[in-house]
C-alpha atoms as a PDB file:
ATOM      1  CA  MET A   1      63.885  15.385 -47.885  1.00  0.00           C
ATOM      2  CA  ILE A   2      60.704  13.419 -48.087  1.00  0.00           C
ATOM      3  CA  HIS A   3      60.807   9.844 -46.784  1.00  0.00           C
ATOM      4  CA  PHE A   4      58.412   7.259 -48.198  1.00  0.00           C
ATOM      5  CA  GLN A   5      57.408   4.407 -45.859  1.00  0.00           C
ATOM      6  CA  THR A   6      57.745   0.928 -47.253  1.00  0.00           C
ATOM      7  CA  ARG A   7      54.792  -1.484 -47.143  1.00  0.00           C
ATOM      8  CA  SER A   8      56.466  -3.483 -44.321  1.00  0.00           C
ATOM      9  CA  ALA A   9      57.079  -0.310 -42.290  1.00  0.00           C
ATOM     10  CA  ARG A  10      53.435   0.747 -42.678  1.00  0.00           C
ATOM     11  CA  ALA A  11      52.338  -2.751 -41.639  1.00  0.00           C
ATOM     12  CA  ARG A  12      54.490  -2.572 -38.493  1.00  0.00           C
ATOM     13  CA  LEU A  13      53.102   0.872 -37.674  1.00  0.00           C
ATOM     14  CA  MET A  14      49.503  -0.289 -38.125  1.00  0.00           C
ATOM     15  CA  LYS A  15      50.195  -3.359 -35.978  1.00  0.00           C
ATOM     16  CA  ARG A  16      51.599  -1.197 -33.185  1.00  0.00           C
ATOM     17  CA  ALA A  17      48.652   1.170 -33.431  1.00  0.00           C
ATOM     18  CA  ALA A  18      46.199  -1.754 -33.231  1.00  0.00           C
ATOM     19  CA  VAL A  19      47.990  -3.183 -30.190  1.00  0.00           C
ATOM     20  CA  THR A  20      48.043   0.232 -28.512  1.00  0.00           C
ATOM     21  CA  ALA A  21      44.339   0.768 -29.246  1.00  0.00           C
ATOM     22  CA  GLY A  22      43.560  -2.696 -27.885  1.00  0.00           C
ATOM     23  CA  LEU A  23      45.424  -1.961 -24.662  1.00  0.00           C
ATOM     24  CA  VAL A  24      43.603   1.361 -24.277  1.00  0.00           C
ATOM     25  CA  VAL A  25      40.224  -0.277 -24.845  1.00  0.00           C
ATOM     26  CA  ALA A  26      41.101  -3.107 -22.476  1.00  0.00           C
ATOM     27  CA  TRP A  27      42.089  -0.565 -19.810  1.00  0.00           C
ATOM     28  CA  ALA A  28      39.099   1.724 -20.389  1.00  0.00           C
ATOM     29  CA  ALA A  29      36.373  -0.902 -20.686  1.00  0.00           C
ATOM     30  CA  PRO A  30      36.291  -1.862 -16.994  1.00  0.00           C
ATOM     31  CA  THR A  31      36.469   1.808 -16.032  1.00  0.00           C
ATOM     32  CA  LEU A  32      33.576   2.717 -18.309  1.00  0.00           C
ATOM     33  CA  ALA A  33      31.571  -0.262 -17.101  1.00  0.00           C
ATOM     34  CA  GLN A  34      32.253   0.667 -13.492  1.00  0.00           C
ATOM     35  CA  ASN A  35      31.348   4.329 -14.122  1.00  0.00           C
ATOM     36  CA  TYR A  36      28.188   3.294 -15.940  1.00  0.00           C
ATOM     37  CA  GLU A  37      27.020   0.891 -13.245  1.00  0.00           C
ATOM     38  CA  GLY A  38      28.487   2.937 -10.456  1.00  0.00           C
ATOM     39  CA  PRO A  39      27.692   2.312  -6.801  1.00  0.00           C
ATOM     40  CA  HIS A  40      24.091   1.287  -7.434  1.00  0.00           C
ATOM     41  CA  GLN A  41      22.238  -1.955  -7.687  1.00  0.00           C
ATOM     42  CA  VAL A  42      18.934  -3.119  -9.166  1.00  0.00           C
ATOM     43  CA  ARG A  43      17.234  -5.784  -7.031  1.00  0.00           C
ATOM     44  CA  VAL A  44      14.259  -8.088  -7.572  1.00  0.00           C
ATOM     45  CA  GLY A  45      12.891 -10.667  -5.177  1.00  0.00           C
ATOM     46  CA  ALA A  46      10.034 -12.287  -3.325  1.00  0.00           C
ATOM     47  CA  PHE A  47       8.838 -12.478   0.277  1.00  0.00           C
ATOM     48  CA  LEU A  48       6.442 -14.098   2.720  1.00  0.00           C
ATOM     49  CA  GLN A  49       4.704 -11.995   5.336  1.00  0.00           C
ATOM     50  CA  GLY A  50       2.609 -12.219   8.469  1.00  0.00           C
ATOM     51  CA  GLY A  51       0.741  -9.724  10.584  1.00  0.00           C
ATOM     52  CA  THR A  52      -2.665  -8.155  11.107  1.00  0.00           C
ATOM     53  CA  THR A  53      -4.916  -5.573   9.481  1.00  0.00           C
ATOM     54  CA  THR A  54      -7.350  -3.677  11.715  1.00  0.00           C
ATOM     55  CA  LEU A  55     -10.363  -2.168   9.936  1.00  0.00           C
ATOM     56  CA  SER A  56     -13.053   0.161  11.306  1.00  0.00           C
ATOM     57  CA  GLY A  57     -16.437   0.369   9.567  1.00  0.00           C
ATOM     58  CA  ASP A  58     -19.218   2.944   9.913  1.00  0.00           C
ATOM     59  CA  PHE A  59     -22.424   1.492   8.478  1.00  0.00           C
ATOM     60  CA  THR A  60     -25.158   3.812   7.161  1.00  0.00           C
ATOM     61  CA  PRO A  61     -28.317   1.947   6.104  1.00  0.00           C
ATOM     62  CA  GLY A  62     -29.954   2.664   2.779  1.00  0.00           C
ATOM     63  CA  PRO A  63     -33.612   3.743   2.344  1.00  0.00           C
ATOM     64  CA  THR A  64     -34.892   0.143   2.185  1.00  0.00           C
ATOM     65  CA  SER A  65     -32.585  -1.382   4.794  1.00  0.00           C
ATOM     66  CA  LEU A  66     -33.937  -2.789   8.068  1.00  0.00           C
ATOM     67  CA  LEU A  67     -30.494  -2.745   9.704  1.00  0.00           C
ATOM     68  CA  PRO A  68     -29.527  -0.044  12.222  1.00  0.00           C
ATOM     69  CA  ALA A  69     -26.607   2.324  11.772  1.00  0.00           C
ATOM     70  CA  THR A  70     -23.540   0.676  13.273  1.00  0.00           C
ATOM     71  CA  THR A  71     -19.901   1.436  14.032  1.00  0.00           C
ATOM     72  CA  ASP A  72     -17.641  -1.571  14.439  1.00  0.00           C
ATOM     73  CA  ARG A  73     -14.058  -2.718  14.052  1.00  0.00           C
ATOM     74  CA  GLY A  74     -12.264  -6.008  13.561  1.00  0.00           C
ATOM     75  CA  ARG A  75      -8.801  -7.515  13.144  1.00  0.00           C
ATOM     76  CA  LEU A  76      -7.996  -9.544  10.021  1.00  0.00           C
ATOM     77  CA  SER A  77      -5.088 -11.782   9.087  1.00  0.00           C
ATOM     78  CA  ASN A  78      -2.389 -10.189   6.952  1.00  0.00           C
ATOM     79  CA  ASN A  79      -0.580 -13.432   6.051  1.00  0.00           C
ATOM     80  CA  GLY A  80       0.521 -13.817   2.446  1.00  0.00           C
ATOM     81  CA  GLY A  81       3.355 -12.972   0.104  1.00  0.00           C
ATOM     82  CA  GLY A  82       4.438 -11.049  -2.952  1.00  0.00           C
ATOM     83  CA  VAL A  83       7.231  -9.746  -5.140  1.00  0.00           C
ATOM     84  CA  SER A  84       9.476  -6.725  -4.785  1.00  0.00           C
ATOM     85  CA  ALA A  85      11.849  -4.613  -6.857  1.00  0.00           C
ATOM     86  CA  GLY A  86      14.121  -1.741  -6.008  1.00  0.00           C
ATOM     87  CA  LEU A  87      17.146   0.405  -6.747  1.00  0.00           C
ATOM     88  CA  GLU A  88      19.856   1.301  -4.252  1.00  0.00           C
ATOM     89  CA  PHE A  89      22.626   3.900  -4.512  1.00  0.00           C
ATOM     90  CA  LEU A  90      25.695   3.625  -2.279  1.00  0.00           C
ATOM     91  CA  ARG A  91      27.344   6.761  -0.946  1.00  0.00           C
ATOM     92  CA  ALA A  92      30.594   7.326   0.942  1.00  0.00           C
ATOM     93  CA  ARG A  93      31.148   5.734   4.352  1.00  0.00           C
ATOM     94  CA  GLY A  94      28.478   3.085   3.865  1.00  0.00           C
ATOM     95  CA  PHE A  95      25.410   5.298   3.567  1.00  0.00           C
ATOM     96  CA  SER A  96      22.838   4.370   0.929  1.00  0.00           C
ATOM     97  CA  TYR A  97      19.529   5.552  -0.445  1.00  0.00           C
ATOM     98  CA  GLY A  98      17.058   4.220  -2.971  1.00  0.00           C
ATOM     99  CA  VAL A  99      13.523   3.187  -3.747  1.00  0.00           C
ATOM    100  CA  ASP A 100      11.548  -0.030  -3.145  1.00  0.00           C
ATOM    101  CA  GLY A 101       8.244  -1.244  -4.561  1.00  0.00           C
ATOM    102  CA  ASP A 102       6.167  -4.339  -3.836  1.00  0.00           C
ATOM    103  CA  PHE A 103       2.931  -6.048  -4.795  1.00  0.00           C
ATOM    104  CA  GLY A 104       1.244  -9.146  -3.419  1.00  0.00           C
ATOM    105  CA  PHE A 105      -1.769 -10.856  -1.889  1.00  0.00           C
ATOM    106  CA  ALA A 106      -2.769 -11.426   1.750  1.00  0.00           C
ATOM    107  CA  HIS A 107      -6.301 -12.651   2.400  1.00  0.00           C
ATOM    108  CA  GLY A 108      -8.156 -12.023   5.635  1.00  0.00           C
ATOM    109  CA  SER A 109     -11.863 -11.654   6.444  1.00  0.00           C
ATOM    110  CA  ARG A 110     -13.985 -10.627   9.418  1.00  0.00           C
ATOM    111  CA  GLY A 111     -17.557  -9.636  10.164  1.00  0.00           C
ATOM    112  CA  ILE A 112     -17.611  -5.852  10.666  1.00  0.00           C
ATOM    113  CA  ALA A 113     -20.752  -3.700  10.962  1.00  0.00           C
ATOM    114  CA  ASN A 114     -23.281  -6.088   9.388  1.00  0.00           C
ATOM    115  CA  ALA A 115     -20.948  -7.217   6.578  1.00  0.00           C
ATOM    116  CA  ASP A 116     -18.181  -9.689   5.869  1.00  0.00           C
ATOM    117  CA  VAL A 117     -15.180  -7.443   5.132  1.00  0.00           C
ATOM    118  CA  SER A 118     -12.135  -9.007   3.487  1.00  0.00           C
ATOM    119  CA  THR A 119      -8.756  -7.877   2.174  1.00  0.00           C
ATOM    120  CA  ASP A 120      -6.771  -9.307  -0.711  1.00  0.00           C
ATOM    121  CA  TYR A 121      -4.140  -7.423  -2.777  1.00  0.00           C
ATOM    122  CA  PHE A 122      -1.694  -4.822  -1.496  1.00  0.00           C
ATOM    123  CA  GLY A 123       1.245  -2.805  -2.721  1.00  0.00           C
ATOM    124  CA  SER A 124       3.528   0.129  -1.923  1.00  0.00           C
ATOM    125  CA  LEU A 125       6.153   2.463  -3.361  1.00  0.00           C
ATOM    126  CA  ARG A 126       8.691   3.677  -0.809  1.00  0.00           C
ATOM    127  CA  GLY A 127      11.927   5.560  -0.491  1.00  0.00           C
ATOM    128  CA  ARG A 128      14.689   4.142   1.684  1.00  0.00           C
ATOM    129  CA  VAL A 129      17.786   5.350   3.528  1.00  0.00           C
ATOM    130  CA  GLY A 130      20.277   2.869   4.923  1.00  0.00           C
ATOM    131  CA  PHE A 131      23.693   2.262   6.410  1.00  0.00           C
ATOM    132  CA  TYR A 132      26.117  -0.656   5.947  1.00  0.00           C
ATOM    133  CA  MET A 133      27.308  -1.837   9.360  1.00  0.00           C
ATOM    134  CA  ARG A 134      29.561  -4.293   7.491  1.00  0.00           C
ATOM    135  CA  PRO A 135      30.060  -4.931   3.775  1.00  0.00           C
ATOM    136  CA  ASP A 136      27.567  -7.803   4.013  1.00  0.00           C
ATOM    137  CA  TRP A 137      25.089  -6.300   6.524  1.00  0.00           C
ATOM    138  CA  ALA A 138      22.890  -3.215   6.170  1.00  0.00           C
ATOM    139  CA  ILE A 139      20.070  -1.613   8.139  1.00  0.00           C
ATOM    140  CA  TYR A 140      17.553   0.828   6.654  1.00  0.00           C
ATOM    141  CA  GLY A 141      14.447   2.902   7.205  1.00  0.00           C
ATOM    142  CA  THR A 142      11.697   3.252   4.619  1.00  0.00           C
ATOM    143  CA  GLY A 143       8.550   5.278   3.989  1.00  0.00           C
ATOM    144  CA  GLY A 144       6.129   6.112   1.213  1.00  0.00           C
ATOM    145  CA  TYR A 145       2.710   5.384  -0.199  1.00  0.00           C
ATOM    146  CA  GLY A 146       0.651   2.167  -0.108  1.00  0.00           C
ATOM    147  CA  PHE A 147      -2.692   0.645  -1.044  1.00  0.00           C
ATOM    148  CA  ARG A 148      -4.825  -2.371  -0.066  1.00  0.00           C
ATOM    149  CA  GLY A 149      -7.873  -3.959  -1.664  1.00  0.00           C
ATOM    150  CA  VAL A 150     -10.984  -4.282   0.539  1.00  0.00           C
ATOM    151  CA  THR A 151     -14.353  -5.934  -0.234  1.00  0.00           C
ATOM    152  CA  ALA A 152     -17.569  -5.720   1.834  1.00  0.00           C
ATOM    153  CA  VAL A 153     -20.295  -8.373   1.383  1.00  0.00           C
ATOM    154  CA  GLU A 154     -23.644  -8.280   3.230  1.00  0.00           C
ATOM    155  CA  LEU A 155     -25.787 -11.323   4.023  1.00  0.00           C
ATOM    156  CA  SER A 156     -28.223 -10.078   1.387  1.00  0.00           C
ATOM    157  CA  GLY A 157     -25.506 -10.626  -1.212  1.00  0.00           C
ATOM    158  CA  ALA A 158     -24.899  -6.954  -1.928  1.00  0.00           C
ATOM    159  CA  SER A 159     -21.165  -6.326  -2.259  1.00  0.00           C
ATOM    160  CA  GLN A 160     -18.602  -3.799  -3.371  1.00  0.00           C
ATOM    161  CA  GLY A 161     -14.827  -3.568  -3.514  1.00  0.00           C
ATOM    162  CA  ARG A 162     -12.557  -0.571  -3.043  1.00  0.00           C
ATOM    163  CA  THR A 163      -8.845   0.211  -2.709  1.00  0.00           C
ATOM    164  CA  LEU A 164      -7.755   1.842   0.540  1.00  0.00           C
ATOM    165  CA  MET A 165      -4.785   4.207   0.206  1.00  0.00           C
ATOM    166  CA  GLY A 166      -2.421   5.777   2.698  1.00  0.00           C
ATOM    167  CA  GLY A 167       1.055   6.088   4.146  1.00  0.00           C
ATOM    168  CA  VAL A 168       3.559   3.302   4.831  1.00  0.00           C
ATOM    169  CA  TYR A 169       6.691   3.424   6.968  1.00  0.00           C
ATOM    170  CA  GLY A 170       9.029   0.998   8.692  1.00  0.00           C
ATOM    171  CA  GLY A 171      12.507  -0.468   8.545  1.00  0.00           C
ATOM    172  CA  GLY A 172      14.530  -3.584   8.034  1.00  0.00           C
ATOM    173  CA  THR A 173      17.862  -5.309   7.712  1.00  0.00           C
ATOM    174  CA  GLU A 174      19.673  -7.063   4.852  1.00  0.00           C
ATOM    175  CA  PHE A 175      22.380  -9.715   4.714  1.00  0.00           C
ATOM    176  CA  HIS A 176      24.396  -9.927   1.473  1.00  0.00           C
ATOM    177  CA  ARG A 177      26.110 -12.973   0.053  1.00  0.00           C
ATOM    178  CA  GLY A 178      27.309 -12.544  -3.518  1.00  0.00           C
ATOM    179  CA  ASN A 179      24.355 -11.588  -5.652  1.00  0.00           C
ATOM    180  CA  THR A 180      21.837 -12.786  -3.039  1.00  0.00           C
ATOM    181  CA  ILE A 181      20.240 -10.635  -0.325  1.00  0.00           C
ATOM    182  CA  LEU A 182      18.299 -12.091   2.595  1.00  0.00           C
ATOM    183  CA  PHE A 183      16.100  -9.487   4.272  1.00  0.00           C
ATOM    184  CA  ALA A 184      13.717  -8.990   7.196  1.00  0.00           C
ATOM    185  CA  GLU A 185      11.364  -6.016   7.248  1.00  0.00           C
ATOM    186  CA  TYR A 186       8.618  -4.413   9.342  1.00  0.00           C
ATOM    187  CA  LEU A 187       6.019  -2.069   7.823  1.00  0.00           C
ATOM    188  CA  HIS A 188       3.166  -0.083   9.373  1.00  0.00           C
ATOM    189  CA  GLU A 189       0.453   1.001   6.949  1.00  0.00           C
ATOM    190  CA  HIS A 190      -2.205   3.598   7.794  1.00  0.00           C
ATOM    191  CA  TYR A 191      -5.207   3.912   5.451  1.00  0.00           C
ATOM    192  CA  GLY A 192      -7.669   6.798   5.445  1.00  0.00           C
ATOM    193  CA  ASN A 193     -11.443   6.704   5.099  1.00  0.00           C
ATOM    194  CA  MET A 194     -12.906   5.129   1.971  1.00  0.00           C
ATOM    195  CA  ASN A 195     -16.634   5.019   1.198  1.00  0.00           C
ATOM    196  CA  VAL A 196     -17.900   1.630  -0.002  1.00  0.00           C
ATOM    197  CA  PRO A 197     -21.440   1.983  -1.374  1.00  0.00           C
ATOM    198  CA  LEU A 198     -23.367  -1.265  -1.865  1.00  0.00           C
ATOM    199  CA  SER A 199     -25.845  -1.976  -4.636  1.00  0.00           C
ATOM    200  CA  ASN A 200     -28.814  -1.912  -2.221  1.00  0.00           C
ATOM    201  CA  GLY A 201     -28.068   1.639  -1.041  1.00  0.00           C
ATOM    202  CA  ASP A 202     -26.203   0.744   2.150  1.00  0.00           C
ATOM    203  CA  LEU A 203     -22.960   2.622   2.736  1.00  0.00           C
ATOM    204  CA  TYR A 204     -19.776   1.666   4.588  1.00  0.00           C
ATOM    205  CA  ALA A 205     -17.019   4.125   5.513  1.00  0.00           C
ATOM    206  CA  ILE A 206     -13.898   2.022   6.110  1.00  0.00           C
ATOM    207  CA  LYS A 207     -10.466   2.962   7.421  1.00  0.00           C
ATOM    208  CA  GLY A 208      -7.706   0.972   9.026  1.00  0.00           C
ATOM    209  CA  ASN A 209      -4.070   0.100   9.515  1.00  0.00           C
ATOM    210  CA  SER A 210      -1.761  -2.891   9.103  1.00  0.00           C
ATOM    211  CA  ASP A 211       1.319  -4.193  10.872  1.00  0.00           C
ATOM    212  CA  THR A 212       3.396  -6.461   8.657  1.00  0.00           C
ATOM    213  CA  PHE A 213       6.543  -8.537   9.187  1.00  0.00           C
ATOM    214  CA  ARG A 214       8.351  -9.897   6.120  1.00  0.00           C
ATOM    215  CA  LEU A 215      11.093 -12.381   5.363  1.00  0.00           C
ATOM    216  CA  GLY A 216      12.383 -12.656   1.823  1.00  0.00           C
ATOM    217  CA  VAL A 217      15.172 -12.900  -0.693  1.00  0.00           C
ATOM    218  CA  LYS A 218      16.360 -10.479  -3.372  1.00  0.00           C
ATOM    219  CA  PHE A 219      18.771 -10.929  -6.254  1.00  0.00           C
ATOM    220  CA  LYS A 220      21.105  -8.280  -7.631  1.00  0.00           C
ATOM    221  CA  VAL A 221      20.513  -7.808 -11.356  1.00  0.00           C
ATOM    222  CA  GLY A 222      23.724  -7.630 -13.390  1.00  0.00           C
ATOM    223  CA  PHE A 223      25.872  -8.354 -10.337  1.00  0.00           C
ATOM    224  CA  ASP A 224      29.578  -7.819 -11.084  1.00  0.00           C
ATOM    225  CA  GLY A 225      31.327  -7.070  -7.829  1.00  0.00           C
ATOM    226  CA  TYR A 226      28.894  -4.872  -5.944  1.00  0.00           C
ATOM    227  CA  TYR A 227      30.147  -6.508  -2.752  1.00  0.00           C
ATOM    228  CA  ASP A 228      33.546  -4.930  -3.402  1.00  0.00           C
ATOM    229  CA  GLU A 229      31.972  -1.564  -4.197  1.00  0.00           C
ATOM    230  CA  VAL A 230      30.243  -1.627  -0.828  1.00  0.00           C
ATOM    231  CA  ARG A 231      33.556  -2.500   0.857  1.00  0.00           C
ATOM    232  CA  ASP A 232      35.320   0.333  -0.948  1.00  0.00           C
ATOM    233  CA  GLY A 233      32.545   2.720   0.061  1.00  0.00           C
ATOM    234  CA  LEU A 234      32.952   1.773   3.723  1.00  0.00           C
ATOM    235  CA  ARG A 235      36.656   2.627   3.549  1.00  0.00           C
ATOM    236  CA  LYS A 236      36.126   6.176   2.268  1.00  0.00           C
END
């Protein structure tokens, strides 16, 4: 025998199906959101820094120069600030890894080998590995690639700018409160030789290194309970 559903019966069936679908979606949505975001966090922030940059310069005079060949070195201020951005992934038992990048300005100048040598912009791209001592406190090590702008100006007015490049490594600590991260960081930057030819034919070969201490703040983008995810990760 074939049974035909009445309009009211079909309406009740559709209503139950809609309620069931709504409950499934309501249950699945947080799970999908959590799986999509996962144990990772995008961060953006800003920092102030202090420290020193030590530059060495080998001066080779041009064909018309009256200055002697000179090798000299000097220490410049590395005080300034900038912005940062990064991505962190949390693993089991509080371990984490990720990537950090920064860009900023720190002006310092010093007379080195017959020229006024100054620094201005800097930046780096670094990997990081860390560990959460507590859900709100992490320590980490970092290393990667960095650059720094350098300009040499002689008394004659001849000048030229270049970008020194090299390795960067260091470490730091972070304190979490909600979507805010307060951090302190130390970085050592080592830059290889870079030739800086001036318009009058003089040539400078410059290399150097920097020691930098930073204090700053970062904000977690799209924060929705990362603090709890860290806590859960520490319990595994």
